[in-house]
Every structure is written in structure tokens, then in C-alpha cells.
N, C-alpha and C. Protein backbone atom coordinates (compact mmCIF):
# COMPACT_ATOMS: atom_id res chain seq x y z
N MET A 1 -23.01 -31.28 -45.36
CA MET A 1 -21.60 -31.40 -45.26
C MET A 1 -20.88 -30.28 -46.04
N THR A 2 -21.44 -30.00 -47.21
CA THR A 2 -20.79 -28.93 -48.00
C THR A 2 -20.97 -27.58 -47.34
N SER A 3 -22.03 -27.42 -46.53
CA SER A 3 -22.24 -26.15 -45.81
C SER A 3 -21.13 -25.95 -44.81
N LYS A 4 -20.77 -26.97 -44.01
CA LYS A 4 -19.70 -26.83 -43.04
C LYS A 4 -18.35 -26.57 -43.72
N LYS A 5 -18.12 -27.25 -44.84
CA LYS A 5 -16.87 -27.08 -45.59
C LYS A 5 -16.79 -25.65 -46.11
N THR A 6 -17.87 -25.13 -46.64
CA THR A 6 -17.91 -23.77 -47.15
C THR A 6 -17.68 -22.77 -46.00
N GLU A 7 -18.32 -22.99 -44.87
CA GLU A 7 -18.11 -22.11 -43.71
C GLU A 7 -16.65 -22.12 -43.24
N LEU A 8 -16.06 -23.30 -43.23
CA LEU A 8 -14.67 -23.41 -42.82
C LEU A 8 -13.76 -22.66 -43.80
N MET A 9 -13.98 -22.78 -45.08
CA MET A 9 -13.18 -22.09 -46.09
C MET A 9 -13.32 -20.57 -45.96
N VAL A 10 -14.56 -20.12 -45.75
CA VAL A 10 -14.82 -18.66 -45.58
C VAL A 10 -14.09 -18.17 -44.32
N GLY A 11 -14.17 -18.94 -43.25
CA GLY A 11 -13.47 -18.59 -42.00
C GLY A 11 -11.96 -18.46 -42.18
N ILE A 12 -11.38 -19.43 -42.89
CA ILE A 12 -9.94 -19.39 -43.15
C ILE A 12 -9.62 -18.17 -44.00
N PHE A 13 -10.43 -17.91 -45.02
CA PHE A 13 -10.19 -16.73 -45.88
C PHE A 13 -10.27 -15.45 -45.11
N VAL A 14 -11.24 -15.32 -44.20
CA VAL A 14 -11.37 -14.10 -43.38
C VAL A 14 -10.19 -13.97 -42.46
N ALA A 15 -9.73 -15.07 -41.84
CA ALA A 15 -8.57 -15.01 -40.94
C ALA A 15 -7.33 -14.59 -41.71
N LEU A 16 -7.13 -15.12 -42.91
CA LEU A 16 -5.98 -14.71 -43.75
C LEU A 16 -6.08 -13.24 -44.15
N ALA A 17 -7.26 -12.78 -44.46
CA ALA A 17 -7.43 -11.37 -44.83
C ALA A 17 -7.10 -10.44 -43.66
N ILE A 18 -7.53 -10.82 -42.45
CA ILE A 18 -7.20 -10.02 -41.26
C ILE A 18 -5.70 -10.03 -40.99
N ALA A 19 -5.07 -11.19 -41.13
CA ALA A 19 -3.62 -11.31 -40.91
C ALA A 19 -2.85 -10.45 -41.94
N ALA A 20 -3.30 -10.51 -43.20
CA ALA A 20 -2.64 -9.73 -44.24
C ALA A 20 -2.79 -8.22 -43.99
N THR A 21 -3.97 -7.79 -43.54
CA THR A 21 -4.22 -6.37 -43.22
C THR A 21 -3.35 -5.93 -42.04
N LEU A 22 -3.23 -6.77 -41.03
CA LEU A 22 -2.38 -6.45 -39.89
C LEU A 22 -0.93 -6.35 -40.27
N LEU A 23 -0.44 -7.27 -41.12
CA LEU A 23 0.93 -7.23 -41.61
C LEU A 23 1.18 -5.99 -42.40
N LEU A 24 0.23 -5.63 -43.27
CA LEU A 24 0.37 -4.39 -44.09
C LEU A 24 0.43 -3.15 -43.20
N ALA A 25 -0.41 -3.08 -42.17
CA ALA A 25 -0.41 -1.94 -41.25
C ALA A 25 0.93 -1.84 -40.53
N LEU A 26 1.50 -2.95 -40.11
CA LEU A 26 2.80 -2.92 -39.43
C LEU A 26 3.89 -2.47 -40.38
N GLN A 27 3.84 -2.91 -41.62
CA GLN A 27 4.84 -2.48 -42.60
C GLN A 27 4.77 -0.98 -42.86
N VAL A 28 3.57 -0.46 -43.00
CA VAL A 28 3.39 0.99 -43.27
C VAL A 28 3.87 1.80 -42.04
N ALA A 29 3.60 1.32 -40.85
CA ALA A 29 4.00 2.05 -39.65
C ALA A 29 5.51 2.11 -39.52
N ASN A 30 6.22 1.15 -40.02
CA ASN A 30 7.69 1.14 -39.87
C ASN A 30 8.41 1.57 -41.13
N GLN A 31 7.73 2.16 -42.10
CA GLN A 31 8.39 2.48 -43.35
C GLN A 31 9.33 3.68 -43.26
N GLY A 32 9.16 4.52 -42.21
CA GLY A 32 9.89 5.76 -42.16
C GLY A 32 11.38 5.63 -41.99
N MET A 33 11.85 5.08 -40.91
CA MET A 33 13.24 5.03 -40.63
C MET A 33 13.82 3.67 -41.08
N SER A 34 14.87 3.71 -41.83
CA SER A 34 15.48 2.46 -42.26
C SER A 34 16.88 2.40 -41.71
N GLY A 35 17.51 1.28 -41.83
CA GLY A 35 18.89 1.11 -41.33
C GLY A 35 18.89 0.53 -39.94
N SER A 36 19.87 1.00 -39.14
CA SER A 36 20.10 0.38 -37.82
C SER A 36 19.09 0.86 -36.80
N GLY A 37 18.27 1.87 -37.11
CA GLY A 37 17.31 2.39 -36.15
C GLY A 37 17.89 3.47 -35.27
N GLU A 38 19.18 3.75 -35.35
CA GLU A 38 19.79 4.78 -34.57
C GLU A 38 19.53 6.14 -35.22
N SER A 39 19.44 7.18 -34.38
CA SER A 39 19.14 8.51 -34.92
C SER A 39 19.79 9.58 -34.04
N TYR A 40 19.78 10.80 -34.54
CA TYR A 40 20.27 11.95 -33.75
C TYR A 40 19.17 12.97 -33.71
N LYS A 41 19.17 13.80 -32.65
CA LYS A 41 18.10 14.77 -32.42
C LYS A 41 18.46 16.14 -32.99
N VAL A 42 17.44 16.76 -33.55
CA VAL A 42 17.55 18.14 -34.04
C VAL A 42 16.25 18.81 -33.64
N SER A 43 16.31 20.07 -33.26
CA SER A 43 15.12 20.82 -32.90
C SER A 43 14.96 22.06 -33.78
N ALA A 44 13.75 22.55 -33.85
CA ALA A 44 13.47 23.78 -34.56
C ALA A 44 12.28 24.50 -33.94
N LYS A 45 12.31 25.83 -33.93
CA LYS A 45 11.22 26.62 -33.38
C LYS A 45 10.41 27.21 -34.52
N PHE A 46 9.10 27.11 -34.42
CA PHE A 46 8.19 27.63 -35.47
C PHE A 46 7.22 28.61 -34.81
N ASP A 47 6.72 29.54 -35.64
CA ASP A 47 5.64 30.41 -35.17
C ASP A 47 4.31 29.70 -35.12
N ASN A 48 4.07 28.83 -36.09
CA ASN A 48 2.81 28.11 -36.19
C ASN A 48 3.09 26.74 -36.80
N ILE A 49 2.67 25.66 -36.08
CA ILE A 49 2.93 24.32 -36.59
C ILE A 49 1.70 23.72 -37.29
N GLY A 50 0.59 24.45 -37.31
CA GLY A 50 -0.58 23.95 -38.01
C GLY A 50 -1.05 22.63 -37.40
N GLY A 51 -1.24 21.60 -38.23
CA GLY A 51 -1.68 20.28 -37.79
C GLY A 51 -0.58 19.28 -37.71
N LEU A 52 0.67 19.71 -37.56
CA LEU A 52 1.82 18.77 -37.47
C LEU A 52 1.65 17.96 -36.20
N LYS A 53 1.99 16.66 -36.29
CA LYS A 53 1.85 15.76 -35.16
C LYS A 53 3.15 14.98 -34.94
N ALA A 54 3.27 14.45 -33.72
CA ALA A 54 4.42 13.56 -33.45
C ALA A 54 4.32 12.37 -34.40
N ARG A 55 5.42 11.83 -34.83
CA ARG A 55 5.56 10.72 -35.78
C ARG A 55 5.35 11.18 -37.22
N SER A 56 5.14 12.48 -37.48
CA SER A 56 5.10 12.97 -38.86
C SER A 56 6.49 12.79 -39.47
N SER A 57 6.51 12.59 -40.75
CA SER A 57 7.79 12.31 -41.40
C SER A 57 8.57 13.59 -41.71
N ILE A 58 9.85 13.39 -41.85
CA ILE A 58 10.80 14.45 -42.28
C ILE A 58 11.33 14.01 -43.61
N LYS A 59 11.12 14.83 -44.65
CA LYS A 59 11.50 14.43 -45.97
C LYS A 59 12.47 15.41 -46.61
N VAL A 60 13.37 14.84 -47.41
CA VAL A 60 14.26 15.63 -48.26
C VAL A 60 13.99 15.19 -49.67
N GLY A 61 13.38 16.04 -50.49
CA GLY A 61 13.07 15.69 -51.87
C GLY A 61 12.16 14.47 -52.00
N GLY A 62 11.28 14.25 -51.04
CA GLY A 62 10.35 13.13 -51.07
C GLY A 62 10.86 11.85 -50.36
N VAL A 63 12.16 11.85 -49.97
CA VAL A 63 12.74 10.72 -49.26
C VAL A 63 12.62 10.93 -47.77
N ILE A 64 12.08 9.95 -47.06
CA ILE A 64 11.94 10.09 -45.61
C ILE A 64 13.28 9.85 -44.95
N VAL A 65 13.74 10.86 -44.18
CA VAL A 65 15.03 10.73 -43.48
C VAL A 65 14.88 10.70 -41.99
N GLY A 66 13.64 10.92 -41.50
CA GLY A 66 13.43 10.92 -40.04
C GLY A 66 11.98 11.10 -39.71
N ARG A 67 11.75 11.28 -38.40
CA ARG A 67 10.39 11.47 -37.89
C ARG A 67 10.39 12.56 -36.82
N VAL A 68 9.24 13.18 -36.62
CA VAL A 68 9.07 14.13 -35.53
C VAL A 68 8.88 13.32 -34.25
N SER A 69 9.72 13.56 -33.26
CA SER A 69 9.64 12.77 -32.02
C SER A 69 8.78 13.42 -30.96
N ARG A 70 8.77 14.78 -30.91
CA ARG A 70 8.04 15.47 -29.84
C ARG A 70 7.74 16.88 -30.27
N ILE A 71 6.62 17.39 -29.84
CA ILE A 71 6.24 18.79 -30.05
C ILE A 71 5.83 19.37 -28.70
N TYR A 72 6.43 20.50 -28.32
CA TYR A 72 6.07 21.14 -27.05
C TYR A 72 6.18 22.65 -27.18
N LEU A 73 5.66 23.35 -26.20
CA LEU A 73 5.67 24.79 -26.18
C LEU A 73 6.84 25.27 -25.31
N ASP A 74 7.69 26.13 -25.88
CA ASP A 74 8.81 26.71 -25.17
C ASP A 74 8.23 27.61 -24.05
N GLU A 75 8.60 27.34 -22.82
CA GLU A 75 8.02 28.05 -21.68
C GLU A 75 8.44 29.52 -21.62
N ARG A 76 9.64 29.83 -22.12
CA ARG A 76 10.14 31.20 -22.05
C ARG A 76 9.59 32.06 -23.20
N GLU A 77 9.68 31.53 -24.40
CA GLU A 77 9.28 32.29 -25.59
C GLU A 77 7.85 32.05 -26.03
N LEU A 78 7.18 31.04 -25.46
CA LEU A 78 5.82 30.65 -25.80
C LEU A 78 5.59 30.43 -27.30
N ILE A 79 6.52 29.70 -27.91
CA ILE A 79 6.39 29.29 -29.27
C ILE A 79 6.61 27.77 -29.38
N PRO A 80 6.03 27.14 -30.39
CA PRO A 80 6.17 25.69 -30.53
C PRO A 80 7.59 25.27 -30.88
N VAL A 81 8.05 24.22 -30.28
CA VAL A 81 9.35 23.63 -30.58
C VAL A 81 9.12 22.22 -31.05
N VAL A 82 9.72 21.87 -32.20
CA VAL A 82 9.56 20.54 -32.77
C VAL A 82 10.89 19.81 -32.65
N GLU A 83 10.87 18.67 -31.94
CA GLU A 83 12.05 17.83 -31.83
C GLU A 83 11.95 16.77 -32.91
N MET A 84 13.06 16.61 -33.68
CA MET A 84 13.07 15.64 -34.75
C MET A 84 14.19 14.65 -34.55
N GLU A 85 13.96 13.42 -34.99
CA GLU A 85 14.97 12.38 -34.97
C GLU A 85 15.30 12.04 -36.40
N ILE A 86 16.56 12.27 -36.81
CA ILE A 86 17.00 12.01 -38.16
C ILE A 86 17.88 10.74 -38.13
N SER A 87 17.69 9.88 -39.10
CA SER A 87 18.42 8.65 -39.14
C SER A 87 19.94 8.90 -39.14
N SER A 88 20.68 8.08 -38.40
CA SER A 88 22.13 8.25 -38.30
C SER A 88 22.83 7.98 -39.63
N ASN A 89 22.09 7.46 -40.62
CA ASN A 89 22.68 7.31 -41.97
C ASN A 89 23.03 8.67 -42.57
N TYR A 90 22.38 9.73 -42.06
CA TYR A 90 22.56 11.07 -42.58
C TYR A 90 23.29 11.99 -41.61
N ILE A 91 24.20 11.44 -40.80
CA ILE A 91 24.79 12.19 -39.71
C ILE A 91 25.69 13.33 -40.22
N LYS A 92 26.38 13.18 -41.30
CA LYS A 92 27.22 14.24 -41.83
C LYS A 92 26.74 14.64 -43.24
N THR A 93 25.45 14.89 -43.33
CA THR A 93 24.83 15.17 -44.61
C THR A 93 24.32 16.59 -44.69
N PHE A 94 23.69 17.08 -43.60
CA PHE A 94 23.03 18.36 -43.65
C PHE A 94 23.81 19.40 -42.86
N PRO A 95 24.30 20.46 -43.56
CA PRO A 95 25.04 21.53 -42.87
C PRO A 95 24.10 22.32 -41.98
N GLU A 96 24.69 23.07 -41.06
CA GLU A 96 23.88 23.85 -40.13
C GLU A 96 23.14 25.01 -40.80
N THR A 97 23.43 25.28 -42.06
CA THR A 97 22.69 26.31 -42.81
C THR A 97 21.43 25.73 -43.45
N SER A 98 21.12 24.48 -43.14
CA SER A 98 19.92 23.86 -43.66
C SER A 98 18.65 24.54 -43.11
N SER A 99 17.57 24.38 -43.83
CA SER A 99 16.29 24.99 -43.36
C SER A 99 15.21 23.94 -43.34
N VAL A 100 14.20 24.18 -42.49
CA VAL A 100 13.05 23.28 -42.42
C VAL A 100 11.77 24.11 -42.59
N SER A 101 10.79 23.46 -43.19
CA SER A 101 9.49 24.09 -43.34
C SER A 101 8.42 23.04 -43.16
N ILE A 102 7.26 23.47 -42.71
CA ILE A 102 6.14 22.55 -42.55
C ILE A 102 5.31 22.60 -43.81
N LEU A 103 5.21 21.43 -44.46
CA LEU A 103 4.54 21.34 -45.75
C LEU A 103 3.32 20.42 -45.63
N THR A 104 2.47 20.46 -46.63
CA THR A 104 1.28 19.64 -46.63
C THR A 104 1.29 18.73 -47.85
N ALA A 105 1.01 17.43 -47.63
CA ALA A 105 0.94 16.48 -48.72
C ALA A 105 -0.38 16.67 -49.45
N GLY A 106 -0.34 17.23 -50.63
CA GLY A 106 -1.58 17.50 -51.37
C GLY A 106 -2.25 18.79 -50.86
N LEU A 107 -3.47 18.99 -51.27
CA LEU A 107 -4.18 20.21 -50.86
C LEU A 107 -4.62 20.18 -49.41
N LEU A 108 -5.17 19.04 -48.96
CA LEU A 108 -5.68 18.92 -47.60
C LEU A 108 -5.09 17.72 -46.86
N GLY A 109 -3.92 17.25 -47.33
CA GLY A 109 -3.32 16.03 -46.74
C GLY A 109 -2.65 16.31 -45.42
N GLU A 110 -1.96 15.27 -44.93
CA GLU A 110 -1.24 15.40 -43.68
C GLU A 110 -0.01 16.30 -43.81
N GLN A 111 0.39 16.87 -42.71
CA GLN A 111 1.55 17.77 -42.76
C GLN A 111 2.81 16.99 -42.38
N TYR A 112 3.93 17.43 -42.96
CA TYR A 112 5.22 16.85 -42.68
C TYR A 112 6.28 17.92 -42.70
N ILE A 113 7.48 17.58 -42.33
CA ILE A 113 8.58 18.56 -42.32
C ILE A 113 9.42 18.33 -43.57
N GLY A 114 9.63 19.43 -44.32
CA GLY A 114 10.54 19.41 -45.47
C GLY A 114 11.87 19.98 -45.06
N LEU A 115 12.90 19.18 -45.21
CA LEU A 115 14.27 19.61 -44.84
C LEU A 115 15.00 19.97 -46.11
N THR A 116 15.51 21.20 -46.19
CA THR A 116 16.26 21.64 -47.37
C THR A 116 17.72 21.77 -46.95
N PRO A 117 18.61 20.98 -47.55
CA PRO A 117 20.02 21.05 -47.19
C PRO A 117 20.59 22.44 -47.50
N GLY A 118 21.43 22.93 -46.59
CA GLY A 118 22.05 24.25 -46.78
C GLY A 118 23.23 24.17 -47.77
N PHE A 119 23.73 25.36 -48.06
CA PHE A 119 24.85 25.49 -49.01
C PHE A 119 26.19 25.36 -48.27
N ILE A 120 27.10 24.63 -48.88
CA ILE A 120 28.46 24.55 -48.32
C ILE A 120 29.37 25.34 -49.26
N PHE A 121 30.02 26.36 -48.68
CA PHE A 121 30.92 27.16 -49.49
C PHE A 121 32.20 26.40 -49.82
N PRO A 122 32.70 26.52 -51.03
CA PRO A 122 33.92 25.81 -51.43
C PRO A 122 35.10 26.23 -50.55
N GLY A 123 35.87 25.31 -50.16
CA GLY A 123 37.07 25.57 -49.36
C GLY A 123 36.79 25.77 -47.87
N GLU A 124 35.53 25.72 -47.48
CA GLU A 124 35.13 25.91 -46.08
C GLU A 124 34.86 24.59 -45.44
N ASP A 125 35.26 24.42 -44.18
CA ASP A 125 34.99 23.21 -43.44
C ASP A 125 33.60 23.31 -42.85
N PRO A 126 32.61 22.60 -43.35
CA PRO A 126 31.22 22.77 -42.93
C PRO A 126 30.96 22.19 -41.51
N ILE A 127 30.02 22.79 -40.83
CA ILE A 127 29.53 22.26 -39.58
C ILE A 127 28.19 21.62 -39.85
N TYR A 128 28.03 20.36 -39.49
CA TYR A 128 26.79 19.65 -39.77
C TYR A 128 25.90 19.65 -38.55
N ILE A 129 24.55 19.52 -38.79
CA ILE A 129 23.63 19.53 -37.67
C ILE A 129 23.73 18.24 -36.85
N GLY A 130 24.37 17.19 -37.33
CA GLY A 130 24.52 15.98 -36.59
C GLY A 130 25.92 15.76 -36.07
N ASP A 131 26.73 16.85 -35.95
CA ASP A 131 28.16 16.68 -35.54
C ASP A 131 28.34 16.30 -34.09
N GLN A 132 27.82 17.12 -33.18
CA GLN A 132 28.07 16.90 -31.75
C GLN A 132 27.16 15.81 -31.21
N GLU A 133 27.78 14.79 -30.63
CA GLU A 133 26.98 13.71 -30.05
C GLU A 133 26.43 14.13 -28.70
N GLY A 134 25.18 13.77 -28.46
CA GLY A 134 24.54 14.05 -27.20
C GLY A 134 24.00 15.47 -27.10
N GLU A 135 24.38 16.35 -27.99
CA GLU A 135 23.95 17.73 -27.97
C GLU A 135 22.88 17.93 -29.03
N THR A 136 21.75 18.52 -28.62
CA THR A 136 20.65 18.76 -29.55
C THR A 136 20.95 20.07 -30.30
N LYS A 137 20.99 20.00 -31.61
CA LYS A 137 21.21 21.20 -32.42
C LYS A 137 19.87 21.83 -32.80
N TYR A 138 19.89 23.14 -32.98
CA TYR A 138 18.69 23.86 -33.41
C TYR A 138 18.90 24.30 -34.89
N ILE A 139 17.89 24.09 -35.65
CA ILE A 139 17.85 24.65 -37.01
C ILE A 139 17.18 25.99 -36.89
N VAL A 140 17.89 27.01 -37.30
CA VAL A 140 17.42 28.37 -37.10
C VAL A 140 16.48 28.81 -38.22
N ASP A 141 16.77 28.43 -39.45
CA ASP A 141 15.97 28.86 -40.61
C ASP A 141 14.74 27.99 -40.73
N THR A 142 13.60 28.52 -40.29
CA THR A 142 12.34 27.75 -40.31
C THR A 142 11.26 28.52 -41.03
N LYS A 143 10.33 27.77 -41.62
CA LYS A 143 9.15 28.39 -42.25
C LYS A 143 7.93 27.65 -41.70
N SER A 144 7.03 28.40 -41.11
CA SER A 144 5.87 27.85 -40.46
C SER A 144 4.86 27.31 -41.45
N ALA A 145 3.91 26.59 -40.92
CA ALA A 145 2.87 25.98 -41.73
C ALA A 145 1.92 27.00 -42.34
N LEU A 146 1.45 26.76 -43.53
CA LEU A 146 0.44 27.56 -44.14
C LEU A 146 -0.93 27.05 -43.69
N VAL A 147 -1.68 27.89 -43.03
CA VAL A 147 -3.00 27.48 -42.54
C VAL A 147 -4.01 27.94 -43.53
N LEU A 148 -4.79 27.00 -44.04
CA LEU A 148 -5.74 27.27 -45.12
C LEU A 148 -6.77 28.36 -44.72
N GLU A 149 -7.21 28.32 -43.47
CA GLU A 149 -8.17 29.35 -43.03
C GLU A 149 -7.57 30.75 -43.07
N ASP A 150 -6.31 30.87 -42.71
CA ASP A 150 -5.64 32.19 -42.77
C ASP A 150 -5.52 32.68 -44.21
N LEU A 151 -5.19 31.77 -45.11
CA LEU A 151 -5.08 32.15 -46.55
C LEU A 151 -6.42 32.62 -47.10
N ILE A 152 -7.48 31.93 -46.72
CA ILE A 152 -8.81 32.32 -47.21
C ILE A 152 -9.19 33.66 -46.63
N GLY A 153 -8.88 33.88 -45.34
CA GLY A 153 -9.16 35.15 -44.70
C GLY A 153 -8.40 36.31 -45.34
N GLN A 154 -7.16 36.05 -45.67
CA GLN A 154 -6.37 37.10 -46.34
C GLN A 154 -6.92 37.41 -47.73
N PHE A 155 -7.37 36.40 -48.41
CA PHE A 155 -7.91 36.60 -49.74
C PHE A 155 -9.23 37.39 -49.70
N LEU A 156 -10.08 37.01 -48.73
CA LEU A 156 -11.40 37.65 -48.66
C LEU A 156 -11.34 39.05 -48.07
N PHE A 157 -10.56 39.25 -47.00
CA PHE A 157 -10.64 40.52 -46.29
C PHE A 157 -9.39 41.40 -46.40
N GLY A 158 -8.30 40.84 -46.79
CA GLY A 158 -7.09 41.65 -46.86
C GLY A 158 -6.38 41.61 -48.17
N LYS A 159 -7.12 41.74 -49.27
CA LYS A 159 -6.51 41.68 -50.57
C LYS A 159 -5.42 42.73 -50.75
N ASP A 160 -5.72 43.93 -50.28
CA ASP A 160 -4.75 45.02 -50.38
C ASP A 160 -3.99 45.12 -49.08
N SER A 161 -2.67 44.93 -49.14
CA SER A 161 -1.88 44.98 -47.90
C SER A 161 -1.49 46.42 -47.55
N GLY A 162 -1.72 47.38 -48.47
CA GLY A 162 -1.28 48.78 -48.19
C GLY A 162 -2.37 49.70 -48.08
């Protein structure tokens, strides 16, 4: 009798552990965007996106403000274009002089987009990247991903640039 009771308790414990793991996974998946869930689109063109993926986060000073929604190749210029969705909580926050760069979490971690707010000159009426509704704005100032293999190659074979 105690054997069946022990098996039942272990089964309940395993079921609770699976449910807790599933709940934790769902919480982590939805941690990025907070608020009403509405967002606006911004795009940027990069020379090299490295290992950036759709659903990668967009951070300002470590705070997640959005996610990468889509990555595709521009058919005319043949360079990668990254479409980003930024939470509508930040609609009039980032001026059009803002810049984006592809950064890596840690030495070999996942890549994300770092958004650096641009400068607003005193007395000037700023234009924000989230101003026009329905129109996708492009961030012009971009910095591509640092590819570890390229850095090692430059160090080994191209120490002297001149």
C-alpha cells in the first residue's frame, strides 16, 4: 500500500515540476514587451548582422524596449534589413538621430540590438522615429555585428593595416 502511495506522490510531484517549468518558459518568452502590446515599426540596414535572429531583443541601457520582428535581404542593395517593433510606450522617446548597433551578450552570448538615443538640440523641435503612424522609419546610423572569426583573422594575419 505504501508503494502505491509513494508512486502517486512522485507522480504528482513530477506533474507539478513539469507545470512549473512550462509556466516559467511562458513567462520568459513574454518578458520582452510590456504594456498594452502595441508597437511601432522601425527598420535599419546593416552590412553584417552576424547571428542576429528574429525575436532578438532591442535594449536601451539594458532595458528591453522592443523585439526584432523580421530580417530580410534588400533586393536592390543586397544588404540585410532588420525590421524592429518598439513598444508604443516609447513612441516619442527616440529622436531620428538615434543609432542602433548589433551587440553580443557576454563573450559568446546571443546577439541583440542596442539602441542609443540621439541628441536633441536645445530650442529645436525634434523629429522622433515613432512620429508618423503607418509609415516605417529607417534608422540611418547603424553599426554592424562584430564577428569573432573576422577579429581573430585580423589579429593573426592583418596586424599592420599599412
